[in-house]
Protein backbone atom coordinates (compact mmCIF):
# COMPACT_ATOMS: atom_id res chain seq x y z
CA MET A 1 -8.19 -20.98 -3.50
CA SER A 2 -5.83 -18.49 -5.07
CA ASP A 3 -2.06 -18.56 -4.65
CA ARG A 4 -0.75 -16.58 -1.70
CA ILE A 5 2.34 -14.36 -1.79
CA GLU A 6 4.35 -12.59 0.91
CA ILE A 7 4.92 -8.84 0.95
CA ALA A 8 6.37 -6.52 3.58
CA ILE A 9 4.37 -3.52 4.77
CA ASP A 10 6.46 -1.09 6.81
CA GLY A 11 8.74 -4.03 7.65
CA ARG A 12 5.90 -6.35 8.70
CA VAL A 13 5.52 -9.50 6.58
CA CYS A 14 1.98 -10.10 5.33
CA THR A 15 0.43 -12.77 3.12
CA VAL A 16 -2.00 -11.72 0.40
CA ALA A 17 -3.73 -13.37 -2.54
CA ALA A 18 -1.85 -13.14 -5.82
CA GLY A 19 -3.36 -10.38 -7.96
CA THR A 20 -4.24 -8.14 -5.01
CA SER A 21 -3.61 -4.42 -5.47
CA VAL A 22 -1.22 -2.77 -3.03
CA ALA A 23 -4.06 -0.53 -1.82
CA ALA A 24 -6.27 -3.53 -1.04
CA ALA A 25 -3.39 -5.29 0.71
CA LEU A 26 -2.72 -2.23 2.89
CA LEU A 27 -6.38 -1.85 3.81
CA ASP A 28 -6.69 -5.58 4.52
CA ALA A 29 -3.65 -5.32 6.80
CA GLY A 30 -5.41 -2.61 8.82
CA GLN A 31 -3.46 0.33 7.39
CA PRO A 32 -6.09 3.00 6.51
CA ALA A 33 -3.55 5.83 6.22
CA PHE A 34 -0.97 5.37 3.47
CA ARG A 35 0.89 8.66 3.86
CA ALA A 36 0.73 12.01 5.63
CA SER A 37 -0.04 15.32 3.95
CA VAL A 38 2.41 18.22 4.24
CA GLN A 39 0.34 19.36 7.23
CA GLY A 40 0.63 15.88 8.80
CA GLU A 41 -2.94 14.76 8.09
CA PRO A 42 -3.43 11.05 7.30
CA ARG A 43 -4.16 10.25 3.66
CA GLY A 44 -5.47 7.08 2.03
CA PRO A 45 -7.21 5.95 -1.12
CA LEU A 46 -10.05 8.16 -2.28
CA CYS A 47 -10.85 7.26 -5.88
CA GLY A 48 -9.32 3.78 -6.15
CA MET A 49 -8.56 4.25 -9.86
CA GLY A 50 -5.38 6.32 -10.01
CA ILE A 51 -6.81 9.82 -10.40
CA CYS A 52 -6.55 11.35 -6.92
CA PHE A 53 -2.94 10.37 -5.99
CA GLU A 54 -3.94 10.12 -2.29
CA CYS A 55 -2.73 6.50 -2.04
CA ARG A 56 0.94 7.16 -2.81
CA VAL A 57 3.45 4.86 -1.10
CA THR A 58 7.06 3.79 -1.59
CA ILE A 59 7.33 0.40 -3.32
CA ASN A 60 10.71 -1.35 -3.47
CA GLY A 61 12.41 1.99 -2.79
CA VAL A 62 10.54 3.92 -5.50
CA PRO A 63 8.52 6.76 -3.92
CA HIS A 64 5.14 8.16 -5.00
CA ARG A 65 3.74 4.95 -6.50
CA ARG A 66 -0.06 4.86 -6.59
CA ALA A 67 -1.03 1.87 -4.45
CA CYS A 68 -4.35 1.40 -6.25
CA MET A 69 -2.57 0.95 -9.60
CA VAL A 70 0.10 -1.59 -8.58
CA THR A 71 -0.41 -5.34 -8.17
CA CYS A 72 1.41 -7.04 -5.31
CA GLU A 73 4.38 -9.22 -6.21
CA HIS A 74 6.09 -11.79 -4.01
CA GLY A 75 8.80 -10.16 -1.89
CA MET A 76 7.56 -6.61 -2.54
CA SER A 77 8.48 -4.04 0.11
CA ILE A 78 5.92 -1.30 0.75
CA ALA A 79 6.65 1.70 2.96
CA THR A 80 3.89 4.07 3.97
CA GLY A 81 4.56 7.59 5.11
CA ALA A 82 1.93 7.25 7.83
CA ALA A 83 2.35 6.43 11.48
CA PRO A 84 1.80 2.71 12.20
CA ALA A 85 -1.83 1.80 12.77
């Protein structure tokens, strides 16, 4: 069994396996929309490898981080720009 760490997603504490990408953690937590487009449409991961920029979230106060490219760290705070699921 892998080590588990705690992260906060839109203020909700979640436990994930160490080494999990932020995108995988968000999807596992039931958050399919990571942000809203300028027209208000929900957006989430498309390519999963950092090319499309659809998975951008705010991590520890830094906006526009690509969730598919960042590994979760204990105590990390993730804010989506999407309405709660």
